[in-house]
N, C-alpha and C. Protein backbone atom coordinates (compact mmCIF):
# COMPACT_ATOMS: atom_id res chain seq x y z
N MET A 1 0.42 -8.77 3.95
CA MET A 1 0.06 -7.48 3.70
C MET A 1 -1.39 -7.44 3.06
N ALA A 2 -2.45 -6.38 4.19
CA ALA A 2 -3.58 -6.47 3.28
C ALA A 2 -3.90 -4.79 3.07
N ILE A 3 -4.95 -5.02 1.94
CA ILE A 3 -5.35 -3.80 1.33
C ILE A 3 -6.64 -3.55 1.51
N GLN A 4 -6.65 -2.04 1.81
CA GLN A 4 -8.17 -1.70 2.32
C GLN A 4 -9.20 -1.38 1.35
N PHE A 5 -10.18 -2.12 0.89
CA PHE A 5 -11.26 -1.48 -0.02
C PHE A 5 -12.38 -1.20 0.53
N TYR A 6 -13.37 -0.14 -0.05
CA TYR A 6 -14.58 0.04 0.27
C TYR A 6 -15.83 -0.76 -0.63
N ASP A 7 -16.37 -1.47 0.55
CA ASP A 7 -17.53 -2.33 -0.09
C ASP A 7 -18.49 -1.53 -0.32
N VAL A 8 -19.36 -1.22 -1.38
CA VAL A 8 -20.22 -0.31 -1.44
C VAL A 8 -21.64 -0.99 -1.18
N LYS A 9 -21.51 -2.17 -1.19
CA LYS A 9 -22.80 -2.72 -1.08
C LYS A 9 -23.08 -2.78 0.54
N SER A 10 -21.90 -3.38 1.49
CA SER A 10 -22.00 -3.43 3.14
C SER A 10 -21.72 -1.92 3.51
N ARG A 11 -21.50 -0.96 2.90
CA ARG A 11 -20.85 0.51 3.49
C ARG A 11 -19.81 0.06 4.77
N GLN A 12 -19.00 -0.60 4.14
CA GLN A 12 -17.97 -1.05 5.37
C GLN A 12 -16.73 -1.26 4.38
N LYS A 13 -15.55 -0.94 5.20
CA LYS A 13 -14.08 -0.96 4.79
C LYS A 13 -13.79 -2.55 5.04
N VAL A 14 -13.03 -3.05 4.10
CA VAL A 14 -12.65 -4.44 4.23
C VAL A 14 -11.12 -4.68 3.58
N ASP A 15 -10.73 -5.55 4.65
CA ASP A 15 -9.32 -5.63 4.18
C ASP A 15 -9.32 -6.79 3.36
N ILE A 16 -8.34 -7.10 2.48
CA ILE A 16 -8.28 -7.81 1.19
C ILE A 16 -6.68 -8.07 1.36
N PRO A 17 -6.54 -9.88 1.68
CA PRO A 17 -4.82 -10.14 1.50
C PRO A 17 -4.55 -10.09 0.05
N GLU A 18 -2.94 -9.54 0.10
CA GLU A 18 -2.70 -9.01 -1.19
C GLU A 18 -2.32 -10.05 -1.97
N SER A 19 -2.66 -11.39 -1.85
CA SER A 19 -2.65 -12.67 -2.61
C SER A 19 -3.92 -12.61 -3.32
N GLU A 20 -4.50 -12.07 -3.07
CA GLU A 20 -6.14 -12.20 -3.92
C GLU A 20 -6.30 -10.81 -4.39
N VAL A 21 -5.44 -10.05 -4.60
CA VAL A 21 -5.90 -8.50 -5.60
C VAL A 21 -4.99 -8.98 -6.78
N ARG A 22 -5.77 -8.27 -7.65
CA ARG A 22 -5.30 -7.96 -9.19
C ARG A 22 -5.27 -6.70 -9.58
N LYS A 23 -3.93 -6.51 -10.49
CA LYS A 23 -3.99 -5.15 -10.85
C LYS A 23 -4.24 -5.03 -12.36
N THR A 24 -4.80 -4.01 -12.82
CA THR A 24 -5.47 -3.62 -14.13
C THR A 24 -5.32 -1.98 -14.29
N LYS A 25 -5.39 -1.81 -15.82
CA LYS A 25 -5.37 -0.49 -16.18
C LYS A 25 -6.58 -0.11 -17.19
N TYR A 26 -7.16 0.89 -16.70
CA TYR A 26 -8.15 1.73 -17.78
C TYR A 26 -7.87 2.52 -18.44
N GLU A 27 -7.99 2.52 -20.13
CA GLU A 27 -7.59 3.44 -20.88
C GLU A 27 -8.49 3.89 -21.58
N GLN A 28 -8.39 5.29 -21.78
CA GLN A 28 -9.59 6.09 -22.43
C GLN A 28 -8.91 7.17 -23.08
N GLN A 29 -9.45 7.17 -24.50
CA GLN A 29 -9.14 7.96 -25.58
C GLN A 29 -9.47 9.19 -25.18
N ALA A 30 -8.43 10.28 -25.06
CA ALA A 30 -8.98 11.80 -24.76
C ALA A 30 -9.17 12.54 -26.15
N LYS A 31 -9.66 13.84 -25.93
CA LYS A 31 -10.38 14.73 -26.89
C LYS A 31 -9.23 14.89 -27.69
N ASN A 32 -8.15 15.50 -27.12
CA ASN A 32 -6.82 15.95 -27.99
C ASN A 32 -6.08 14.53 -28.65
N GLY A 33 -6.67 13.60 -28.66
CA GLY A 33 -5.97 12.45 -29.31
C GLY A 33 -5.03 11.53 -28.36
N GLY A 34 -4.89 11.97 -27.40
CA GLY A 34 -3.73 11.39 -26.43
C GLY A 34 -4.64 10.10 -25.88
N VAL A 35 -3.87 9.30 -24.99
CA VAL A 35 -4.50 8.42 -23.95
C VAL A 35 -4.47 8.32 -22.70
N ASN A 36 -5.84 8.67 -21.72
CA ASN A 36 -5.64 8.76 -20.64
C ASN A 36 -5.77 7.55 -19.65
N THR A 37 -4.68 7.02 -19.02
CA THR A 37 -4.58 5.77 -18.05
C THR A 37 -5.01 5.80 -16.91
N ARG A 38 -5.74 4.83 -16.13
CA ARG A 38 -6.02 4.96 -14.77
C ARG A 38 -5.62 3.80 -14.03
N TYR A 39 -5.11 3.51 -13.27
CA TYR A 39 -4.28 2.19 -12.17
C TYR A 39 -5.23 2.11 -11.19
N ALA A 40 -5.67 0.72 -11.70
CA ALA A 40 -6.66 0.31 -10.50
C ALA A 40 -6.27 -1.17 -9.73
N LEU A 41 -6.71 -1.37 -8.80
CA LEU A 41 -6.68 -3.05 -7.91
C LEU A 41 -7.91 -3.57 -8.01
N ARG A 42 -8.16 -4.65 -8.20
CA ARG A 42 -9.45 -5.66 -8.06
C ARG A 42 -9.40 -6.47 -7.36
N ALA A 43 -10.69 -7.00 -6.51
CA ALA A 43 -10.57 -7.94 -5.91
C ALA A 43 -12.38 -8.12 -5.80
N THR A 44 -12.72 -9.25 -4.91
CA THR A 44 -13.58 -9.93 -4.68
C THR A 44 -13.88 -10.20 -3.33
N TYR A 45 -15.30 -9.69 -2.63
CA TYR A 45 -15.35 -10.17 -1.51
C TYR A 45 -16.63 -10.49 -0.91
N GLN A 46 -17.03 -11.55 -1.24
CA GLN A 46 -18.55 -12.22 -0.58
C GLN A 46 -19.20 -12.09 -1.80
N GLY A 47 -18.91 -12.34 -2.86
CA GLY A 47 -19.34 -12.13 -4.17
C GLY A 47 -19.42 -10.64 -4.78
N THR A 48 -18.86 -9.84 -4.21
CA THR A 48 -19.29 -8.10 -4.86
C THR A 48 -17.73 -8.01 -5.35
N ASN A 49 -17.70 -7.47 -6.21
CA ASN A 49 -16.67 -6.83 -7.25
C ASN A 49 -16.07 -5.43 -6.70
N LEU A 50 -14.60 -5.52 -6.25
CA LEU A 50 -14.21 -4.28 -5.66
C LEU A 50 -12.87 -3.82 -6.67
N THR A 51 -13.12 -2.28 -6.68
CA THR A 51 -11.78 -1.89 -7.11
C THR A 51 -11.79 -0.50 -6.39
N LYS A 52 -10.34 -0.37 -6.50
CA LYS A 52 -9.72 1.00 -5.63
C LYS A 52 -8.91 1.58 -6.90
N PHE A 53 -9.14 2.61 -7.15
CA PHE A 53 -8.02 3.32 -7.81
C PHE A 53 -6.68 3.84 -7.04
N VAL A 54 -5.71 3.57 -7.83
CA VAL A 54 -4.45 4.01 -6.71
C VAL A 54 -3.26 5.13 -7.96
N LYS A 55 -2.33 5.30 -7.32
CA LYS A 55 -1.48 6.26 -8.07
C LYS A 55 -0.70 5.07 -8.70
N GLN A 56 0.21 5.72 -9.68
CA GLN A 56 0.61 5.04 -10.82
C GLN A 56 2.00 4.04 -10.24
N ALA A 57 2.77 4.75 -9.15
CA ALA A 57 3.71 4.29 -8.22
C ALA A 57 3.10 3.33 -7.11
N ASP A 58 2.29 3.36 -6.68
CA ASP A 58 1.95 2.45 -5.76
C ASP A 58 1.21 1.37 -6.71
N TRP A 59 0.92 1.08 -7.95
CA TRP A 59 0.31 0.42 -8.50
C TRP A 59 1.51 -0.64 -9.16
N GLU A 60 2.92 0.05 -9.43
CA GLU A 60 3.91 -0.17 -9.89
C GLU A 60 4.58 -1.29 -9.05
N ALA A 61 4.43 -0.87 -7.56
CA ALA A 61 5.10 -1.51 -6.42
C ALA A 61 4.24 -2.69 -6.15
N LEU A 62 3.02 -3.07 -6.30
CA LEU A 62 2.65 -4.04 -6.12
C LEU A 62 3.16 -5.40 -6.72
N SER A 63 3.27 -6.37 -6.39
CA SER A 63 3.67 -7.81 -7.11
C SER A 63 2.30 -8.68 -7.38
N ALA A 64 1.50 -8.13 -7.82
CA ALA A 64 0.17 -8.59 -7.99
C ALA A 64 -0.05 -8.83 -9.45
N PRO A 65 -0.44 -10.07 -9.77
CA PRO A 65 -0.89 -10.14 -11.38
C PRO A 65 -1.50 -9.22 -11.80
N GLU A 66 -1.34 -9.04 -13.08
CA GLU A 66 -1.92 -8.07 -13.84
C GLU A 66 -3.17 -8.92 -14.72
N GLU A 67 -4.24 -8.05 -14.86
CA GLU A 67 -5.49 -8.50 -15.82
C GLU A 67 -5.46 -8.00 -16.96
């Protein structure tokens, strides 16, 4: 199954095989003292790093390695 990313450099959508995708979390300190977490998928296409932000449910359902 391929996951679709948008390559900003070439201005086109590209399909990356699921085996080449990595999962990562971005955590940011909120002003009220809490932590905001964003879930993302990362891949590399022709030397360009690609990032796609996804919902937590989609992130957890994917069986990719976590960075």
